[in-house]
Amino acid sequence: MNAPLPWPAPHRDTPFVGAVLVPGSKSLTNRVLILAALADGPSVLTRPLGSRDTTLMVGALTALGATIERDGITWTVKPSRWDLTAAITVDCGLAGTVMRFVPPLAALGKAAITFDGDAHARVRPMGTTIATLRDLGVEVTDDGRGALPFTVHGTGRVTGGPLEVDASSSSQFVSALLLAGARFDKGIELQHVGAPLPSMPHIEMTVAELRRRGVHVDTHDTDTGVTAWHVHPGPISALDVEIEPDLSNAGVFIAAALVTGGSVRIRNWPEHTDQAGDAWRVIVPAFGGTAERDGSDLVFSGGESLDGVELDLHDVGELTPVISAIAALAAGPSRLTGVAHLRGHETDRLAALVTEINRLGGDAEELDDGLEIRPRPMHGTMFRTYDDHRMAHAAVVLGLRVRDLLVENVVTTVKTYPNFAPVWERLMT
């Protein structure tokens, strides 16, 4: 297959002023799909995200016996009976939610399920998933790799019970076990051990969605936050839901308003949400902008200047690439910390951001747990994305102020935002 042609990022000399309705949340869509496949009856999803990651999740759950009928903005999910016996392979692509959320479900069946994915997926950390499944008594073969590909050999049941997990490299290791835990014979009593957990809003989202479906979940709070969860065994009720807009994907449009001194109205921003992207309401004022609610929308505006920032992004690490692009265009230096775990994402995002910002003539430095970014004039050249959708988002933000910037493989944005490139081009030119 030929590599995609470099894409010229739109440049803008005037403030961007517009309104955007972003597609549904990938994090919510894939969690809701999992719970619908485990539920006690059919569920209907309205406005789910139709992207590569969610299509891979649909394919995985269908392979495990669920039935998912897609009719425009409405998807109907009929749960699996978990009675398949034939060996199959699940394509995870580069989707962390598929490679980490689905293996505990595979253990509920009686088939040998092999998980594999893209080349970049084979270097993502999966040792915790494999180890925790083995601790639960599930047979997993991986030839000692601790990574994709590996095979889960289900026996039709998982006993569950007490389990310790070090999820300091990804909160997905916790969410994966919580999502399936109610279907284990003894539920699951999960204790996190190790460095502080990243991306806690994603775990809070998981717990909230379980409770919405009648699952009994206890949490144990300490001075450092929630470190233990007890999901009691029991049914997962079917539930019809409407998926919220993806607030992390909204960030690239918010960044456009900030770096051009304009404003953007994000339609249907929820009043209350567990999405990490809700942090934009705090991040934008830190850069000198404003965030104001207007009915069901939020309006973000750039300030008189684009200030440098000091931000701890530990809980909202997925926002780091776009925030880094804003910081590279700011009037003063920025320090972004708490995101060492980004080294294990779709690519090593810290190293990638430093490399690509500096390739443009910028001044970025990698820290133990983040980035130091100092303003410098930048010039256009190729910005590599490493097949990472968030890197592509960072690139297009930089392109608004850096002329002649080319984006390598902008199509990687279909991972979480179908048709992103034409939407961006229409709005920014």
Protein backbone atom coordinates (compact mmCIF):
# COMPACT_ATOMS: atom_id res chain seq x y z
CA MET A 1 0.00 0.00 0.00
CA ASN A 2 1.32 3.46 -0.93
CA ALA A 3 1.95 5.86 1.95
CA PRO A 4 -0.49 8.79 2.15
CA LEU A 5 0.76 11.99 0.53
CA PRO A 6 1.93 14.76 2.87
CA TRP A 7 -0.97 17.08 3.67
CA PRO A 8 -0.44 20.85 3.64
CA ALA A 9 -1.80 22.16 6.94
CA PRO A 10 -4.00 25.26 6.55
CA HIS A 11 -2.33 28.50 7.64
CA ARG A 12 -4.38 31.38 9.02
CA ASP A 13 -3.54 35.09 9.27
CA THR A 14 -6.92 36.08 10.77
CA PRO A 15 -8.71 34.96 13.95
CA PHE A 16 -10.69 31.75 13.66
CA VAL A 17 -14.31 32.30 14.68
CA GLY A 18 -16.72 29.41 14.35
CA ALA A 19 -18.97 26.78 15.86
CA VAL A 20 -18.30 23.04 15.98
CA LEU A 21 -20.29 19.95 16.90
CA VAL A 22 -17.68 17.27 17.46
CA PRO A 23 -18.53 13.56 17.05
CA GLY A 24 -19.29 11.30 20.01
CA SER A 25 -16.77 10.37 22.68
CA LYS A 26 -14.56 7.41 21.80
CA SER A 27 -13.97 6.62 25.48
CA LEU A 28 -17.69 6.53 26.22
CA THR A 29 -18.63 4.70 23.02
CA ASN A 30 -16.21 1.83 23.62
CA ARG A 31 -17.10 1.49 27.31
CA VAL A 32 -20.81 1.48 26.52
CA LEU A 33 -20.29 -1.11 23.76
CA ILE A 34 -18.47 -3.39 26.23
CA LEU A 35 -21.20 -3.09 28.85
CA ALA A 36 -23.95 -3.59 26.25
CA ALA A 37 -22.26 -6.82 25.12
CA LEU A 38 -22.24 -8.01 28.76
CA ALA A 39 -25.77 -6.81 29.60
CA ASP A 40 -28.94 -8.75 30.37
CA GLY A 41 -30.75 -7.52 27.25
CA PRO A 42 -30.45 -5.31 24.15
CA SER A 43 -29.22 -1.71 24.42
CA VAL A 44 -29.56 1.21 21.99
CA LEU A 45 -26.75 3.74 21.54
CA THR A 46 -27.58 7.13 20.02
CA ARG A 47 -24.85 9.26 18.40
CA PRO A 48 -21.97 6.84 19.09
CA LEU A 49 -18.64 7.61 17.49
CA GLY A 50 -18.08 5.85 14.19
CA SER A 51 -14.27 5.83 13.89
CA ARG A 52 -11.49 3.31 13.42
CA ASP A 53 -11.20 2.61 17.18
CA THR A 54 -14.93 2.05 17.65
CA THR A 55 -15.17 -0.01 14.45
CA LEU A 56 -12.41 -2.24 15.81
CA MET A 57 -14.36 -2.58 19.07
CA VAL A 58 -17.52 -3.50 17.15
CA GLY A 59 -15.53 -6.11 15.23
CA ALA A 60 -14.05 -7.55 18.43
CA LEU A 61 -17.39 -7.83 20.23
CA THR A 62 -19.08 -9.25 17.15
CA ALA A 63 -16.35 -11.88 16.94
CA LEU A 64 -17.13 -12.78 20.57
CA GLY A 65 -20.81 -13.32 19.74
CA ALA A 66 -22.52 -9.95 20.24
CA THR A 67 -24.83 -8.61 17.53
CA ILE A 68 -24.44 -4.93 16.67
CA GLU A 69 -26.81 -3.38 14.14
CA ARG A 70 -25.81 0.10 12.96
CA ASP A 71 -28.49 2.36 11.48
CA GLY A 72 -27.14 5.86 11.06
CA ILE A 73 -26.81 7.52 14.45
CA THR A 74 -28.47 4.58 16.21
CA TRP A 75 -26.70 1.32 17.09
CA THR A 76 -28.54 -1.60 18.67
CA VAL A 77 -26.42 -4.06 20.65
CA LYS A 78 -27.62 -7.55 21.53
CA PRO A 79 -25.38 -9.16 24.13
CA SER A 80 -23.19 -12.16 23.51
CA ARG A 81 -24.13 -15.60 24.85
CA TRP A 82 -20.41 -16.37 25.31
CA ASP A 83 -20.85 -19.85 23.84
CA LEU A 84 -18.42 -19.67 20.92
CA THR A 85 -15.83 -22.44 20.77
CA ALA A 86 -14.00 -21.84 17.47
CA ALA A 87 -10.60 -20.14 17.64
CA ILE A 88 -10.58 -16.59 16.26
CA THR A 89 -8.25 -13.60 15.96
CA VAL A 90 -9.28 -10.12 17.11
CA ASP A 91 -7.75 -7.16 15.27
CA CYS A 92 -6.89 -4.46 17.83
CA GLY A 93 -5.45 -2.04 15.29
CA LEU A 94 -3.80 0.60 17.48
CA ALA A 95 -6.75 0.87 19.88
CA GLY A 96 -5.73 0.58 23.53
CA THR A 97 -9.36 0.12 24.57
CA VAL A 98 -9.64 -2.97 22.35
CA MET A 99 -6.34 -4.60 23.26
CA ARG A 100 -6.88 -4.01 27.00
CA PHE A 101 -10.67 -4.07 27.52
CA VAL A 102 -11.57 -7.11 25.43
CA PRO A 103 -9.20 -9.84 26.74
CA PRO A 104 -11.03 -10.15 30.11
CA LEU A 105 -14.26 -10.63 28.13
CA ALA A 106 -12.62 -13.29 25.99
CA ALA A 107 -11.86 -15.20 29.18
CA LEU A 108 -15.62 -15.55 29.78
CA GLY A 109 -15.99 -17.69 26.65
CA LYS A 110 -14.72 -21.15 25.78
CA ALA A 111 -12.62 -20.34 22.72
CA ALA A 112 -8.97 -19.55 22.07
CA ILE A 113 -8.96 -15.85 21.18
CA THR A 114 -5.79 -14.35 19.69
CA PHE A 115 -5.25 -10.60 19.93
CA ASP A 116 -3.03 -8.82 17.42
CA GLY A 117 -2.82 -5.37 15.85
CA ASP A 118 -0.79 -2.81 13.96
CA ALA A 119 3.00 -2.77 14.06
CA HIS A 120 2.99 0.09 16.60
CA ALA A 121 0.53 -1.89 18.75
CA ARG A 122 3.07 -4.68 19.19
CA VAL A 123 5.32 -2.38 21.21
CA ARG A 124 2.61 -1.02 23.52
CA PRO A 125 2.85 -2.33 27.11
CA MET A 126 0.54 -5.31 27.58
CA GLY A 127 2.38 -7.21 30.29
CA THR A 128 -0.04 -5.99 32.98
CA THR A 129 -3.07 -7.30 31.05
CA ILE A 130 -1.43 -10.67 30.55
CA ALA A 131 -0.21 -10.92 34.16
CA THR A 132 -3.56 -9.98 35.72
CA LEU A 133 -5.42 -12.50 33.58
CA ARG A 134 -3.01 -15.20 34.71
CA ASP A 135 -3.44 -14.09 38.34
CA LEU A 136 -7.17 -14.64 37.81
CA GLY A 137 -6.48 -18.22 36.67
CA VAL A 138 -6.86 -17.56 32.94
CA GLU A 139 -4.43 -19.28 30.57
CA VAL A 140 -2.65 -16.82 28.27
CA THR A 141 0.09 -17.70 25.80
CA ASP A 142 2.40 -14.93 24.57
CA ASP A 143 5.78 -16.68 24.09
CA GLY A 144 7.19 -14.44 26.81
CA ARG A 145 6.71 -11.19 24.88
CA GLY A 146 4.40 -9.37 27.30
CA ALA A 147 2.92 -7.76 24.20
CA LEU A 148 0.75 -8.47 21.17
CA PRO A 149 0.14 -11.00 19.76
CA PHE A 150 -1.13 -13.20 22.59
CA THR A 151 -3.90 -15.78 23.00
CA VAL A 152 -6.52 -16.02 25.77
CA HIS A 153 -7.77 -19.55 26.36
CA GLY A 154 -11.23 -19.18 27.90
CA THR A 155 -12.94 -21.86 29.97
CA GLY A 156 -16.39 -20.25 30.19
CA ARG A 157 -15.91 -18.61 33.58
CA VAL A 158 -13.55 -16.49 35.65
CA THR A 159 -13.52 -16.91 39.43
CA GLY A 160 -12.44 -13.35 40.24
CA GLY A 161 -11.86 -12.13 43.79
CA PRO A 162 -8.94 -10.12 45.23
CA LEU A 163 -6.29 -8.88 42.78
CA GLU A 164 -3.40 -6.41 42.86
CA VAL A 165 -2.42 -4.49 39.73
CA ASP A 166 0.22 -1.90 38.90
CA ALA A 167 -1.63 0.36 36.47
CA SER A 168 0.77 3.30 36.72
CA SER A 169 1.49 3.08 32.97
CA SER A 170 -2.19 3.20 31.94
CA SER A 171 -5.55 3.56 33.66
CA GLN A 172 -6.94 1.21 31.00
CA PHE A 173 -5.59 -1.76 32.97
CA VAL A 174 -7.98 -0.85 35.81
CA SER A 175 -10.98 -0.06 33.61
CA ALA A 176 -10.61 -3.34 31.73
CA LEU A 177 -11.02 -5.40 34.90
CA LEU A 178 -13.78 -3.21 36.33
CA LEU A 179 -15.86 -3.47 33.14
CA ALA A 180 -15.83 -7.28 33.19
CA GLY A 181 -15.73 -7.77 36.96
CA ALA A 182 -19.47 -8.09 37.57
CA ARG A 183 -19.50 -11.17 35.34
CA PHE A 184 -16.79 -12.93 37.37
CA ASP A 185 -18.07 -15.52 39.87
CA LYS A 186 -16.81 -13.53 42.86
CA GLY A 187 -16.70 -10.13 41.22
CA ILE A 188 -13.36 -8.40 41.60
CA GLU A 189 -11.61 -6.63 44.48
CA LEU A 190 -8.95 -4.61 42.72
CA GLN A 191 -6.07 -2.89 44.49
CA HIS A 192 -3.70 -0.57 42.62
CA VAL A 193 -0.07 -0.80 43.75
CA GLY A 194 2.73 1.36 42.38
CA ALA A 195 3.14 4.96 41.28
CA PRO A 196 0.07 7.24 41.19
CA LEU A 197 -2.55 6.29 38.63
CA PRO A 198 -2.71 8.41 35.48
CA SER A 199 -5.91 9.52 33.76
CA MET A 200 -8.23 9.07 36.74
CA PRO A 201 -11.21 10.65 34.91
CA HIS A 202 -11.28 7.60 32.64
CA ILE A 203 -11.59 5.26 35.63
CA GLU A 204 -14.27 7.51 37.11
CA MET A 205 -16.11 7.28 33.79
CA THR A 206 -15.92 3.48 33.95
CA VAL A 207 -17.29 3.37 37.50
CA ALA A 208 -20.09 5.81 36.64
CA GLU A 209 -21.18 3.74 33.64
CA LEU A 210 -21.19 0.54 35.72
CA ARG A 211 -23.34 2.16 38.41
CA ARG A 212 -25.76 3.51 35.77
CA ARG A 213 -26.43 -0.12 34.88
CA GLY A 214 -27.10 -1.26 38.42
CA VAL A 215 -23.67 -2.71 39.17
CA HIS A 216 -22.62 -2.37 42.81
CA VAL A 217 -19.15 -0.74 42.91
CA ASP A 218 -17.35 0.25 46.13
CA THR A 219 -14.28 2.49 46.04
CA HIS A 220 -11.62 3.07 48.68
CA ASP A 221 -10.22 6.59 48.95
CA THR A 222 -6.80 7.47 50.36
CA ASP A 223 -4.80 10.70 50.57
CA THR A 224 -3.51 9.99 47.06
CA GLY A 225 -6.96 9.29 45.60
CA VAL A 226 -8.92 6.15 44.83
CA THR A 227 -6.64 3.12 44.94
CA ALA A 228 -9.07 0.21 45.36
CA TRP A 229 -12.34 -0.89 43.78
CA HIS A 230 -14.76 -3.70 44.60
CA VAL A 231 -17.11 -4.66 41.78
CA HIS A 232 -19.72 -7.03 43.19
CA PRO A 233 -20.91 -9.93 41.03
CA GLY A 234 -24.33 -9.56 39.46
CA PRO A 235 -26.22 -8.66 36.31
CA ILE A 236 -25.42 -5.67 34.13
CA SER A 237 -28.68 -4.02 33.15
CA ALA A 238 -29.34 -3.09 29.54
CA LEU A 239 -29.47 0.68 29.07
CA ASP A 240 -30.29 2.97 26.16
CA VAL A 241 -27.87 5.93 26.09
CA GLU A 242 -26.94 9.00 24.08
CA ILE A 243 -23.19 9.45 23.72
CA GLU A 244 -21.67 12.82 24.70
CA PRO A 245 -19.49 14.77 22.23
CA ASP A 246 -15.78 13.92 22.49
CA LEU A 247 -14.34 16.80 24.51
CA SER A 248 -10.74 15.72 23.91
CA ASN A 249 -11.29 15.99 20.17
CA ALA A 250 -12.85 19.41 20.74
CA GLY A 251 -9.44 20.53 21.97
CA VAL A 252 -7.97 20.98 18.50
CA PHE A 253 -10.68 23.53 17.63
CA ILE A 254 -10.29 25.24 21.01
CA ALA A 255 -6.57 25.49 20.28
CA ALA A 256 -7.34 27.11 16.93
CA ALA A 257 -9.24 29.88 18.71
CA LEU A 258 -6.43 30.37 21.22
CA VAL A 259 -3.49 30.55 18.82
CA THR A 260 -5.27 32.83 16.33
CA GLY A 261 -6.88 35.11 18.92
CA GLY A 262 -10.37 34.06 17.87
CA SER A 263 -13.27 32.17 19.43
CA VAL A 264 -15.07 28.86 18.97
CA ARG A 265 -18.43 27.65 20.17
CA ILE A 266 -18.42 23.93 21.04
CA ARG A 267 -21.97 22.68 20.73
CA ASN A 268 -23.67 20.58 23.42
CA TRP A 269 -20.87 20.67 26.00
CA PRO A 270 -22.26 18.61 28.91
CA GLU A 271 -22.93 20.34 32.22
CA HIS A 272 -21.44 17.38 34.11
CA THR A 273 -19.12 14.79 32.62
CA ASP A 274 -16.31 12.38 33.49
CA GLN A 275 -14.45 13.10 30.25
CA ALA A 276 -10.83 14.22 30.56
CA GLY A 277 -11.48 16.87 27.91
CA ASP A 278 -13.64 18.84 30.33
CA ALA A 279 -10.32 20.17 31.66
CA TRP A 280 -10.21 22.59 28.70
CA ARG A 281 -12.41 24.86 30.81
CA VAL A 282 -9.42 25.33 33.16
CA ILE A 283 -6.58 25.03 30.64
CA VAL A 284 -7.81 27.81 28.34
CA PRO A 285 -7.78 30.50 31.09
CA ALA A 286 -4.26 29.36 32.03
CA PHE A 287 -3.15 30.35 28.51
CA GLY A 288 -4.87 33.74 28.92
CA GLY A 289 -8.15 32.89 27.20
CA THR A 290 -11.72 32.57 28.45
CA ALA A 291 -14.30 29.78 28.67
CA GLU A 292 -17.94 30.79 29.09
CA ARG A 293 -21.14 28.77 28.99
CA ASP A 294 -23.89 29.96 26.66
CA GLY A 295 -26.94 27.72 27.01
CA SER A 296 -25.94 24.20 26.08
CA ASP A 297 -22.67 25.35 24.48
CA LEU A 298 -19.25 26.48 25.72
CA VAL A 299 -17.55 29.40 24.01
CA PHE A 300 -13.75 29.52 24.18
CA SER A 301 -11.90 32.70 23.23
CA GLY A 302 -8.26 33.69 22.93
CA GLY A 303 -6.93 36.49 25.10
CA GLU A 304 -4.87 39.57 24.31
CA SER A 305 -1.75 37.44 24.55
CA LEU A 306 -1.01 33.71 24.55
CA ASP A 307 0.69 33.10 27.88
CA GLY A 308 3.08 30.33 28.79
CA VAL A 309 1.75 27.83 31.35
CA GLU A 310 2.78 25.46 34.10
CA LEU A 311 0.36 22.54 34.08
CA ASP A 312 0.22 19.14 35.76
CA LEU A 313 -1.51 16.99 33.14
CA HIS A 314 -1.34 13.71 35.01
CA ASP A 315 -5.10 13.14 34.90
CA VAL A 316 -5.58 14.45 31.35
CA GLY A 317 -2.49 13.22 29.54
CA GLU A 318 -4.28 12.69 26.22
CA LEU A 319 -4.56 16.48 25.89
CA THR A 320 -0.78 16.93 26.03
CA PRO A 321 0.02 16.96 22.27
CA VAL A 322 -2.42 19.78 21.49
CA ILE A 323 -1.43 21.69 24.65
CA SER A 324 2.22 21.33 23.58
CA ALA A 325 1.41 22.85 20.20
CA ILE A 326 -0.27 25.83 21.89
CA ALA A 327 2.71 26.18 24.23
CA ALA A 328 5.15 26.21 21.29
CA LEU A 329 3.28 29.27 19.94
CA ALA A 330 2.97 31.07 23.29
CA ALA A 331 4.74 34.27 24.30
CA GLY A 332 6.56 32.67 27.23
CA PRO A 333 7.96 29.28 28.31
CA SER A 334 5.76 26.42 29.43
CA ARG A 335 6.31 23.41 31.65
CA LEU A 336 4.00 20.39 31.30
CA THR A 337 4.41 17.65 33.92
CA GLY A 338 2.82 14.48 35.26
CA VAL A 339 2.78 12.65 31.92
CA ALA A 340 5.65 10.15 31.95
CA HIS A 341 3.05 7.49 31.07
CA LEU A 342 2.69 9.02 27.59
CA ARG A 343 5.84 7.12 26.61
CA GLY A 344 3.64 4.01 26.37
CA HIS A 345 0.83 5.47 24.25
CA GLU A 346 0.32 5.02 20.49
CA THR A 347 3.91 6.24 20.23
CA ASP A 348 6.32 7.68 22.77
CA ARG A 349 4.49 10.99 22.70
CA LEU A 350 7.05 12.91 24.75
CA ALA A 351 9.96 11.99 22.50
CA ALA A 352 7.82 12.51 19.38
CA LEU A 353 6.66 15.98 20.43
CA VAL A 354 10.21 17.13 21.24
CA THR A 355 11.52 15.77 17.95
CA GLU A 356 8.83 17.35 15.78
CA ILE A 357 8.64 20.74 17.52
CA ASN A 358 12.43 21.04 17.31
CA ARG A 359 12.36 19.94 13.65
CA LEU A 360 10.30 23.11 12.99
CA GLY A 361 12.92 25.22 14.73
CA GLY A 362 11.15 25.24 18.08
CA ASP A 363 12.73 24.64 21.47
CA ALA A 364 11.29 21.67 23.35
CA GLU A 365 13.03 19.53 25.95
CA GLU A 366 11.99 16.21 27.44
CA LEU A 367 11.76 16.02 31.25
CA ASP A 368 11.51 12.94 33.44
CA ASP A 369 7.73 13.33 33.54
CA GLY A 370 6.89 15.87 30.87
CA LEU A 371 8.07 18.67 28.62
CA GLU A 372 9.71 22.09 28.80
CA ILE A 373 8.76 24.25 25.81
CA ARG A 374 10.29 27.66 25.09
CA PRO A 375 9.02 29.99 22.34
CA ARG A 376 11.13 30.34 19.21
CA PRO A 377 10.30 31.28 15.61
CA MET A 378 9.42 28.18 13.61
CA HIS A 379 9.50 27.30 9.94
CA GLY A 380 7.55 24.90 7.78
CA THR A 381 8.72 21.37 7.06
CA MET A 382 7.35 17.83 7.40
CA PHE A 383 5.72 17.08 10.77
CA ARG A 384 5.71 13.34 11.35
CA THR A 385 2.70 11.82 13.14
CA TYR A 386 4.01 8.32 13.97
CA ASP A 387 0.53 7.00 13.08
CA ASP A 388 -0.75 8.82 16.18
CA HIS A 389 -3.95 10.86 15.84
CA ARG A 390 -3.04 13.22 18.69
CA MET A 391 0.28 14.04 17.01
CA ALA A 392 -1.67 14.94 13.86
CA HIS A 393 -3.87 17.26 15.92
CA ALA A 394 -0.75 18.96 17.32
CA ALA A 395 0.57 19.39 13.77
CA VAL A 396 -2.50 21.14 12.39
CA VAL A 397 -2.59 23.56 15.32
CA LEU A 398 1.03 24.50 14.65
CA GLY A 399 0.25 24.84 10.95
CA LEU A 400 -2.18 27.67 11.67
CA ARG A 401 0.77 29.90 12.64
CA VAL A 402 3.70 28.18 10.89
CA ARG A 403 3.64 28.52 7.11
CA ASP A 404 4.29 25.61 4.76
CA LEU A 405 3.88 22.89 7.38
CA LEU A 406 3.23 19.45 5.90
CA VAL A 407 1.53 16.73 7.94
CA GLU A 408 2.63 13.17 7.40
CA ASN A 409 -0.38 10.81 7.34
CA VAL A 410 -3.12 13.16 8.54
CA VAL A 411 -5.49 10.26 7.78
CA THR A 412 -4.44 8.70 11.10
CA THR A 413 -7.03 11.04 12.68
CA VAL A 414 -9.77 8.61 11.61
CA LYS A 415 -8.80 6.65 14.72
CA THR A 416 -11.15 8.88 16.73
CA TYR A 417 -12.47 11.53 14.31
CA PRO A 418 -13.79 10.46 10.90
CA ASN A 419 -13.36 13.07 8.15
CA PHE A 420 -11.27 15.29 10.41
CA ALA A 421 -8.99 16.60 7.65
CA PRO A 422 -11.76 17.90 5.35
CA VAL A 423 -13.65 19.37 8.32
CA TRP A 424 -10.50 21.20 9.49
CA GLU A 425 -9.70 22.42 5.98
CA ARG A 426 -13.24 23.76 5.48
CA LEU A 427 -13.23 25.63 8.79
CA MET A 428 -9.69 27.01 8.67
CA THR A 429 -9.48 28.22 5.04
